[in-house]
Structure formats: structure tokens, C-alpha cells
Amino acid sequence: MYFDRKLPPSRDSVVWRYMDLAKYLSLIRRSELYFTRRSGLEALDPWEGFLGSSSHLSADERNFLGEWQRRPYINCWHVGSGESAAMWEVYKGRGFGVAVRSEWKRLGDSLDGEDVSVWGELVRYVDYDEDGPEWENVYNPLFYKRKAFEFEHEARLIVQSVDDDAPEGRGIHVDIPTLIESVVVSPFEPAWVADLIAEVTADLWPDVRVAASKLLEPPPAG
């Protein structure tokens, strides 16, 4: 099941999932979206899940909340009408870069039928000296990040887990034709990479459109 929370993108918002080729192939071959534990994101931002500077929280409460926030699985999307040069730079050098283009409604609909509860919400970018998480539930801090990451324009999906010994990542089933509006290959990759990804995709999902990014093409003459 899928739920919009307090601050979702609009239903027709365009969303992008930037990833390396390995995760893309896993997505289209297994029809699964990869969700990671918070620990998988902390290498990029050690402030993931920061509880803020609330003085009313005791040390025991902070430990309890910190442990609970390590349990859910997280999947991240970029919200924007077009490609993001900044996001392509983030994935440059991680292996061939690919972005799946979808819409918030399509993303939610693609999860319909999966027997899990999925929460989706925009990330809020704050100055923790002045602002911090609102305590509606223990997962709320996972939807806050520092303003330095505002270029990500991120929306997150979260799947609850109460198992401390669960794996660091898990796949959640999605309906590929519903999820994927189109696929764009990084502007930093040579043309043959886009051609190869298009061929592999067509073998599995012939109706999915794949194209090379035109972000770095020169402007028209004249």
C-alpha cells in the first residue's frame, strides 16, 4: 500500500531516480526498487536522521529514537521538471549513470499491490541551529536534511522494518510499465553506452523509451 504524508509532491510532479547501471539493471530485470537502510546513506551525509537540538529529549530518548531510525528502508527521488546537472555530477564516476523519469502518481501506482506500507514525502532542508524535525512520529527526522543538500530536491519513500538483523537493503516490487515514463543515460557516457542500455531494456520492456541525455550538446547555430 502507498500513502502520501503531510508534505508530498503534487501528484503530477516529475520525479527522477538517478542510479548506476547495476541498480538500473536490477530494477528492470527483477521489477524491484532498491531500498537501503539509513546506514547506506550516511557515507554521503553523516547527519542523516539527526534528531535536532531539542533540549527536551533525554539521553535515553535519543538512543531509543536513534535506534528506531536505523531500521526503516529508504528510497530517494529527485523532484524536477527536467534533468539536473548537479545530480549527474553526483553519479559521475560511479559506473555508467542512468536516470528513470516518472511522476509522483505513477511512482505510487507502481507500488500498488505490494503488501507493505510505504510512506512518501518531500525532504525539508533546514538550518538545525534555527529549525529541526517536528515530532509527529519517530521517522520524521529522516525527512530533514541540511541546506547544503538542497540541490537534491529530494522526495523519499520509506518502508518500515522492526527487525534489527534485517539486511542492509531490500527490493520492493514495482510494476515497470507504470513506473517508468522514460529512461535517460548520463551526458558523460559515450553514445554506445546509451545504445547498449536501450537494447538491453528493449529485450525486457520494449515499450520503455531510452535516450542519451542532450544536456551537454551545444546550442543551435545562429
C-alpha atoms as a PDB file:
ATOM      1  CA  MET A   1       0.000   0.000   0.000  1.00  0.00           C
ATOM      2  CA  TYR A   2       1.086   3.583  -0.603  1.00  0.00           C
ATOM      3  CA  PHE A   3       0.405   6.691   1.458  1.00  0.00           C
ATOM      4  CA  ASP A   4       1.053  10.375   0.806  1.00  0.00           C
ATOM      5  CA  ARG A   5       2.136  12.070   4.016  1.00  0.00           C
ATOM      6  CA  LYS A   6       1.994  15.655   5.221  1.00  0.00           C
ATOM      7  CA  LEU A   7       4.233  17.216   2.581  1.00  0.00           C
ATOM      8  CA  PRO A   8       4.088  15.161  -0.628  1.00  0.00           C
ATOM      9  CA  PRO A   9       4.959  16.478  -4.079  1.00  0.00           C
ATOM     10  CA  SER A  10       1.881  17.156  -6.222  1.00  0.00           C
ATOM     11  CA  ARG A  11       0.596  14.043  -7.944  1.00  0.00           C
ATOM     12  CA  ASP A  12       1.795  15.174 -11.385  1.00  0.00           C
ATOM     13  CA  SER A  13       5.274  16.233 -10.179  1.00  0.00           C
ATOM     14  CA  VAL A  14       8.059  14.798 -12.331  1.00  0.00           C
ATOM     15  CA  VAL A  15      10.461  12.666 -10.300  1.00  0.00           C
ATOM     16  CA  TRP A  16      13.818  11.158 -11.251  1.00  0.00           C
ATOM     17  CA  ARG A  17      15.696   8.190  -9.858  1.00  0.00           C
ATOM     18  CA  TYR A  18      19.430   8.655 -10.582  1.00  0.00           C
ATOM     19  CA  MET A  19      21.437   5.443 -10.291  1.00  0.00           C
ATOM     20  CA  ASP A  20      24.357   3.458 -11.621  1.00  0.00           C
ATOM     21  CA  LEU A  21      23.913   0.823 -14.315  1.00  0.00           C
ATOM     22  CA  ALA A  22      23.962  -2.110 -11.879  1.00  0.00           C
ATOM     23  CA  LYS A  23      20.961  -0.770  -9.927  1.00  0.00           C
ATOM     24  CA  TYR A  24      19.130   0.037 -13.165  1.00  0.00           C
ATOM     25  CA  LEU A  25      19.603  -3.499 -14.486  1.00  0.00           C
ATOM     26  CA  SER A  26      18.425  -4.897 -11.163  1.00  0.00           C
ATOM     27  CA  LEU A  27      15.311  -2.696 -11.391  1.00  0.00           C
ATOM     28  CA  ILE A  28      14.251  -3.787 -14.881  1.00  0.00           C
ATOM     29  CA  ARG A  29      15.218  -7.464 -14.503  1.00  0.00           C
ATOM     30  CA  ARG A  30      13.687  -8.045 -11.074  1.00  0.00           C
ATOM     31  CA  SER A  31      10.907  -5.424 -11.199  1.00  0.00           C
ATOM     32  CA  GLU A  32      12.137  -4.255  -7.812  1.00  0.00           C
ATOM     33  CA  LEU A  33      13.017  -0.830  -6.472  1.00  0.00           C
ATOM     34  CA  TYR A  34      16.027  -0.914  -4.177  1.00  0.00           C
ATOM     35  CA  PHE A  35      15.571   0.467  -0.645  1.00  0.00           C
ATOM     36  CA  THR A  36      18.556   0.910   1.664  1.00  0.00           C
ATOM     37  CA  ARG A  37      18.921   1.232   5.419  1.00  0.00           C
ATOM     38  CA  ARG A  38      19.925   4.655   6.749  1.00  0.00           C
ATOM     39  CA  SER A  39      23.494   3.398   7.152  1.00  0.00           C
ATOM     40  CA  GLY A  40      23.714   3.184   3.367  1.00  0.00           C
ATOM     41  CA  LEU A  41      23.170   6.944   3.121  1.00  0.00           C
ATOM     42  CA  GLU A  42      25.417   8.070   5.964  1.00  0.00           C
ATOM     43  CA  ALA A  43      28.553   7.878   3.803  1.00  0.00           C
ATOM     44  CA  LEU A  44      27.089  10.741   1.742  1.00  0.00           C
ATOM     45  CA  ASP A  45      25.718  12.672   4.713  1.00  0.00           C
ATOM     46  CA  PRO A  46      26.704  11.733   8.285  1.00  0.00           C
ATOM     47  CA  TRP A  47      23.829  13.914   9.569  1.00  0.00           C
ATOM     48  CA  GLU A  48      21.207  11.505   8.201  1.00  0.00           C
ATOM     49  CA  GLY A  49      18.434  11.179  10.773  1.00  0.00           C
ATOM     50  CA  PHE A  50      19.860  13.909  13.025  1.00  0.00           C
ATOM     51  CA  LEU A  51      17.404  14.471  15.862  1.00  0.00           C
ATOM     52  CA  GLY A  52      17.942  18.203  16.060  1.00  0.00           C
ATOM     53  CA  SER A  53      18.956  20.211  19.081  1.00  0.00           C
ATOM     54  CA  SER A  54      15.783  19.645  21.102  1.00  0.00           C
ATOM     55  CA  SER A  55      16.794  20.028  24.729  1.00  0.00           C
ATOM     56  CA  HIS A  56      13.622  18.271  25.959  1.00  0.00           C
ATOM     57  CA  LEU A  57      14.904  14.876  24.772  1.00  0.00           C
ATOM     58  CA  SER A  58      16.746  12.841  27.377  1.00  0.00           C
ATOM     59  CA  ALA A  59      19.792  10.742  26.516  1.00  0.00           C
ATOM     60  CA  ASP A  60      17.690   7.560  26.758  1.00  0.00           C
ATOM     61  CA  GLU A  61      15.055   9.007  24.431  1.00  0.00           C
ATOM     62  CA  ARG A  62      17.718   9.990  21.909  1.00  0.00           C
ATOM     63  CA  ASN A  63      19.207   6.487  21.989  1.00  0.00           C
ATOM     64  CA  PHE A  64      15.776   4.921  21.534  1.00  0.00           C
ATOM     65  CA  LEU A  65      14.836   7.199  18.631  1.00  0.00           C
ATOM     66  CA  GLY A  66      18.238   6.789  17.008  1.00  0.00           C
ATOM     67  CA  GLU A  67      17.902   3.015  17.029  1.00  0.00           C
ATOM     68  CA  TRP A  68      14.411   3.082  15.535  1.00  0.00           C
ATOM     69  CA  GLN A  69      15.548   5.348  12.713  1.00  0.00           C
ATOM     70  CA  ARG A  70      18.184   2.819  11.661  1.00  0.00           C
ATOM     71  CA  ARG A  71      15.502   0.206  10.949  1.00  0.00           C
ATOM     72  CA  PRO A  72      13.373   1.517   8.070  1.00  0.00           C
ATOM     73  CA  TYR A  73      14.361   1.233   4.414  1.00  0.00           C
ATOM     74  CA  ILE A  74      14.725   4.379   2.313  1.00  0.00           C
ATOM     75  CA  ASN A  75      14.443   5.083  -1.433  1.00  0.00           C
ATOM     76  CA  CYS A  76      15.328   8.537  -2.796  1.00  0.00           C
ATOM     77  CA  TRP A  77      13.985  10.501  -5.794  1.00  0.00           C
ATOM     78  CA  HIS A  78      14.838  13.893  -7.281  1.00  0.00           C
ATOM     79  CA  VAL A  79      11.885  16.216  -7.944  1.00  0.00           C
ATOM     80  CA  GLY A  80      12.216  18.441 -11.021  1.00  0.00           C
ATOM     81  CA  SER A  81      10.686  19.047 -14.425  1.00  0.00           C
ATOM     82  CA  GLY A  82      13.972  18.357 -16.238  1.00  0.00           C
ATOM     83  CA  GLU A  83      17.364  16.757 -15.802  1.00  0.00           C
ATOM     84  CA  SER A  84      19.678  18.006 -13.069  1.00  0.00           C
ATOM     85  CA  ALA A  85      23.299  18.773 -13.986  1.00  0.00           C
ATOM     86  CA  ALA A  86      24.140  18.645 -10.269  1.00  0.00           C
ATOM     87  CA  MET A  87      22.682  15.146  -9.888  1.00  0.00           C
ATOM     88  CA  TRP A  88      24.559  13.877 -12.951  1.00  0.00           C
ATOM     89  CA  GLU A  89      27.760  15.181 -11.355  1.00  0.00           C
ATOM     90  CA  VAL A  90      26.992  13.248  -8.162  1.00  0.00           C
ATOM     91  CA  TYR A  91      26.776   9.990 -10.126  1.00  0.00           C
ATOM     92  CA  LYS A  92      29.711  10.742 -12.424  1.00  0.00           C
ATOM     93  CA  GLY A  93      32.454   8.162 -11.895  1.00  0.00           C
ATOM     94  CA  ARG A  94      30.239   5.634 -10.068  1.00  0.00           C
ATOM     95  CA  GLY A  95      29.756   3.477 -13.140  1.00  0.00           C
ATOM     96  CA  PHE A  96      27.532   4.219 -16.100  1.00  0.00           C
ATOM     97  CA  GLY A  97      24.863   6.702 -14.980  1.00  0.00           C
ATOM     98  CA  VAL A  98      21.160   6.232 -15.721  1.00  0.00           C
ATOM     99  CA  ALA A  99      18.057   8.171 -14.644  1.00  0.00           C
ATOM    100  CA  VAL A 100      14.499   6.860 -14.610  1.00  0.00           C
ATOM    101  CA  ARG A 101      11.890   9.550 -15.272  1.00  0.00           C
ATOM    102  CA  SER A 102       8.478   9.101 -13.685  1.00  0.00           C
ATOM    103  CA  GLU A 103       5.751  11.075 -11.922  1.00  0.00           C
ATOM    104  CA  TRP A 104       4.801  11.023  -8.257  1.00  0.00           C
ATOM    105  CA  LYS A 105       1.420   9.466  -9.057  1.00  0.00           C
ATOM    106  CA  ARG A 106       2.998   6.832 -11.319  1.00  0.00           C
ATOM    107  CA  LEU A 107       5.516   6.005  -8.621  1.00  0.00           C
ATOM    108  CA  GLY A 108       2.738   5.463  -6.094  1.00  0.00           C
ATOM    109  CA  ASP A 109       0.618   3.470  -8.526  1.00  0.00           C
ATOM    110  CA  SER A 110       3.580   1.244  -9.426  1.00  0.00           C
ATOM    111  CA  LEU A 111       3.755   0.109  -5.792  1.00  0.00           C
ATOM    112  CA  ASP A 112       0.050  -0.699  -5.623  1.00  0.00           C
ATOM    113  CA  GLY A 113      -0.463  -4.350  -4.789  1.00  0.00           C
ATOM    114  CA  GLU A 114       2.747  -4.711  -2.799  1.00  0.00           C
ATOM    115  CA  ASP A 115       1.843  -5.858   0.708  1.00  0.00           C
ATOM    116  CA  VAL A 116       3.912  -3.267   2.560  1.00  0.00           C
ATOM    117  CA  SER A 117       3.222   0.203   3.915  1.00  0.00           C
ATOM    118  CA  VAL A 118       5.185   2.870   2.055  1.00  0.00           C
ATOM    119  CA  TRP A 119       5.383   6.498   3.183  1.00  0.00           C
ATOM    120  CA  GLY A 120       6.344   9.250   0.737  1.00  0.00           C
ATOM    121  CA  GLU A 121       7.241  12.854   1.478  1.00  0.00           C
ATOM    122  CA  LEU A 122       9.396  15.758   0.372  1.00  0.00           C
ATOM    123  CA  VAL A 123      12.638  16.298   2.256  1.00  0.00           C
ATOM    124  CA  ARG A 124      12.818  19.610   4.104  1.00  0.00           C
ATOM    125  CA  TYR A 125      16.158  21.434   4.123  1.00  0.00           C
ATOM    126  CA  VAL A 126      16.824  23.327   7.327  1.00  0.00           C
ATOM    127  CA  ASP A 127      19.392  25.149   9.407  1.00  0.00           C
ATOM    128  CA  TYR A 128      19.476  22.969  12.518  1.00  0.00           C
ATOM    129  CA  ASP A 129      20.519  25.945  14.639  1.00  0.00           C
ATOM    130  CA  GLU A 130      17.156  27.527  13.866  1.00  0.00           C
ATOM    131  CA  ASP A 131      14.871  24.658  12.903  1.00  0.00           C
ATOM    132  CA  GLY A 132      14.526  20.902  13.261  1.00  0.00           C
ATOM    133  CA  PRO A 133      12.225  17.879  12.977  1.00  0.00           C
ATOM    134  CA  GLU A 134       8.626  18.069  14.079  1.00  0.00           C
ATOM    135  CA  TRP A 135       7.902  15.081  16.287  1.00  0.00           C
ATOM    136  CA  GLU A 136       4.834  13.587  14.618  1.00  0.00           C
ATOM    137  CA  ASN A 137       6.463  10.141  14.660  1.00  0.00           C
ATOM    138  CA  VAL A 138       9.890   8.563  15.128  1.00  0.00           C
ATOM    139  CA  TYR A 139      10.679   8.599  11.399  1.00  0.00           C
ATOM    140  CA  ASN A 140      10.131  12.314  10.862  1.00  0.00           C
ATOM    141  CA  PRO A 141      13.841  13.260  11.195  1.00  0.00           C
ATOM    142  CA  LEU A 142      14.533  11.087   8.141  1.00  0.00           C
ATOM    143  CA  PHE A 143      12.701  13.721   6.055  1.00  0.00           C
ATOM    144  CA  TYR A 144      15.041  16.544   7.155  1.00  0.00           C
ATOM    145  CA  LYS A 145      18.465  17.434   5.770  1.00  0.00           C
ATOM    146  CA  ARG A 146      20.863  20.365   5.942  1.00  0.00           C
ATOM    147  CA  LYS A 147      20.520  23.245   3.478  1.00  0.00           C
ATOM    148  CA  ALA A 148      23.827  22.261   1.837  1.00  0.00           C
ATOM    149  CA  PHE A 149      21.925  19.385   0.195  1.00  0.00           C
ATOM    150  CA  GLU A 150      19.067  21.495  -1.124  1.00  0.00           C
ATOM    151  CA  PHE A 151      20.236  20.934  -4.718  1.00  0.00           C
ATOM    152  CA  GLU A 152      18.947  17.354  -4.395  1.00  0.00           C
ATOM    153  CA  HIS A 153      15.262  18.486  -4.310  1.00  0.00           C
ATOM    154  CA  GLU A 154      14.600  15.103  -2.771  1.00  0.00           C
ATOM    155  CA  ALA A 155      11.439  13.147  -2.089  1.00  0.00           C
ATOM    156  CA  ARG A 156      11.753   9.937  -0.098  1.00  0.00           C
ATOM    157  CA  LEU A 157       9.900   6.691   0.223  1.00  0.00           C
ATOM    158  CA  ILE A 158      10.206   4.797   3.489  1.00  0.00           C
ATOM    159  CA  VAL A 159       9.286   1.194   4.250  1.00  0.00           C
ATOM    160  CA  GLN A 160       9.049   0.297   7.915  1.00  0.00           C
ATOM    161  CA  SER A 161      11.079  -2.542   9.386  1.00  0.00           C
ATOM    162  CA  VAL A 162      11.296  -3.601  13.033  1.00  0.00           C
ATOM    163  CA  ASP A 163      13.996  -6.217  12.514  1.00  0.00           C
ATOM    164  CA  ASP A 164      17.459  -5.223  13.731  1.00  0.00           C
ATOM    165  CA  ASP A 165      19.013  -8.185  11.895  1.00  0.00           C
ATOM    166  CA  ALA A 166      17.379  -7.464   8.520  1.00  0.00           C
ATOM    167  CA  PRO A 167      19.699  -6.984   5.515  1.00  0.00           C
ATOM    168  CA  GLU A 168      21.102  -3.546   4.671  1.00  0.00           C
ATOM    169  CA  GLY A 169      18.970  -3.349   1.549  1.00  0.00           C
ATOM    170  CA  ARG A 170      15.817  -4.890   0.113  1.00  0.00           C
ATOM    171  CA  GLY A 171      13.867  -4.848  -3.122  1.00  0.00           C
ATOM    172  CA  ILE A 172      10.220  -3.754  -3.228  1.00  0.00           C
ATOM    173  CA  HIS A 173       8.169  -4.971  -6.197  1.00  0.00           C
ATOM    174  CA  VAL A 174       7.055  -2.346  -8.730  1.00  0.00           C
ATOM    175  CA  ASP A 175       5.129  -2.502 -11.987  1.00  0.00           C
ATOM    176  CA  ILE A 176       7.737  -1.355 -14.521  1.00  0.00           C
ATOM    177  CA  PRO A 177       5.387  -0.029 -17.275  1.00  0.00           C
ATOM    178  CA  THR A 178       3.557   2.025 -14.653  1.00  0.00           C
ATOM    179  CA  LEU A 179       6.731   3.304 -13.009  1.00  0.00           C
ATOM    180  CA  ILE A 180       8.938   4.233 -15.959  1.00  0.00           C
ATOM    181  CA  GLU A 181       7.873   7.065 -18.246  1.00  0.00           C
ATOM    182  CA  SER A 182      11.312   7.101 -19.908  1.00  0.00           C
ATOM    183  CA  VAL A 183      14.995   6.451 -19.236  1.00  0.00           C
ATOM    184  CA  VAL A 184      17.846   8.919 -19.795  1.00  0.00           C
ATOM    185  CA  VAL A 185      21.533   7.950 -19.975  1.00  0.00           C
ATOM    186  CA  SER A 186      24.121  10.276 -18.428  1.00  0.00           C
ATOM    187  CA  PRO A 187      25.580  13.015 -20.676  1.00  0.00           C
ATOM    188  CA  PHE A 188      29.038  11.917 -19.512  1.00  0.00           C
ATOM    189  CA  GLU A 189      28.731   8.484 -21.179  1.00  0.00           C
ATOM    190  CA  PRO A 190      29.737   7.737 -24.793  1.00  0.00           C
ATOM    191  CA  ALA A 191      26.976   7.149 -27.352  1.00  0.00           C
ATOM    192  CA  TRP A 192      27.498   3.379 -27.438  1.00  0.00           C
ATOM    193  CA  VAL A 193      26.506   3.115 -23.762  1.00  0.00           C
ATOM    194  CA  ALA A 194      23.068   4.614 -24.448  1.00  0.00           C
ATOM    195  CA  ASP A 195      22.649   2.300 -27.443  1.00  0.00           C
ATOM    196  CA  LEU A 196      23.552  -0.753 -25.359  1.00  0.00           C
ATOM    197  CA  ILE A 197      21.229   0.217 -22.488  1.00  0.00           C
ATOM    198  CA  ALA A 198      18.421   0.772 -25.000  1.00  0.00           C
ATOM    199  CA  GLU A 199      18.983  -2.717 -26.478  1.00  0.00           C
ATOM    200  CA  VAL A 200      19.036  -4.439 -23.085  1.00  0.00           C
ATOM    201  CA  THR A 201      15.930  -2.551 -21.960  1.00  0.00           C
ATOM    202  CA  ALA A 202      14.046  -3.405 -25.170  1.00  0.00           C
ATOM    203  CA  ASP A 203      14.650  -7.123 -24.592  1.00  0.00           C
ATOM    204  CA  LEU A 204      12.743  -6.908 -21.306  1.00  0.00           C
ATOM    205  CA  TRP A 205      10.432  -3.913 -21.716  1.00  0.00           C
ATOM    206  CA  PRO A 206      10.084  -2.950 -25.401  1.00  0.00           C
ATOM    207  CA  ASP A 207       7.733  -0.044 -24.664  1.00  0.00           C
ATOM    208  CA  VAL A 208      10.195   1.750 -22.350  1.00  0.00           C
ATOM    209  CA  ARG A 209      11.907   4.645 -24.145  1.00  0.00           C
ATOM    210  CA  VAL A 210      15.668   5.086 -23.619  1.00  0.00           C
ATOM    211  CA  ALA A 211      17.644   8.087 -24.868  1.00  0.00           C
ATOM    212  CA  ALA A 212      21.011   9.706 -24.324  1.00  0.00           C
ATOM    213  CA  SER A 213      20.953  12.975 -22.391  1.00  0.00           C
ATOM    214  CA  LYS A 214      21.308  16.090 -24.525  1.00  0.00           C
ATOM    215  CA  LEU A 215      22.338  18.233 -21.571  1.00  0.00           C
ATOM    216  CA  LEU A 216      25.886  18.857 -22.862  1.00  0.00           C
ATOM    217  CA  GLU A 217      25.013  19.370 -26.514  1.00  0.00           C
ATOM    218  CA  PRO A 218      25.916  22.838 -27.874  1.00  0.00           C
ATOM    219  CA  PRO A 219      23.142  25.361 -28.544  1.00  0.00           C
ATOM    220  CA  PRO A 220      21.703  25.656 -32.061  1.00  0.00           C
ATOM    221  CA  ALA A 221      23.734  27.687 -34.514  1.00  0.00           C
ATOM    222  CA  GLY A 222      22.691  31.240 -35.244  1.00  0.00           C
END
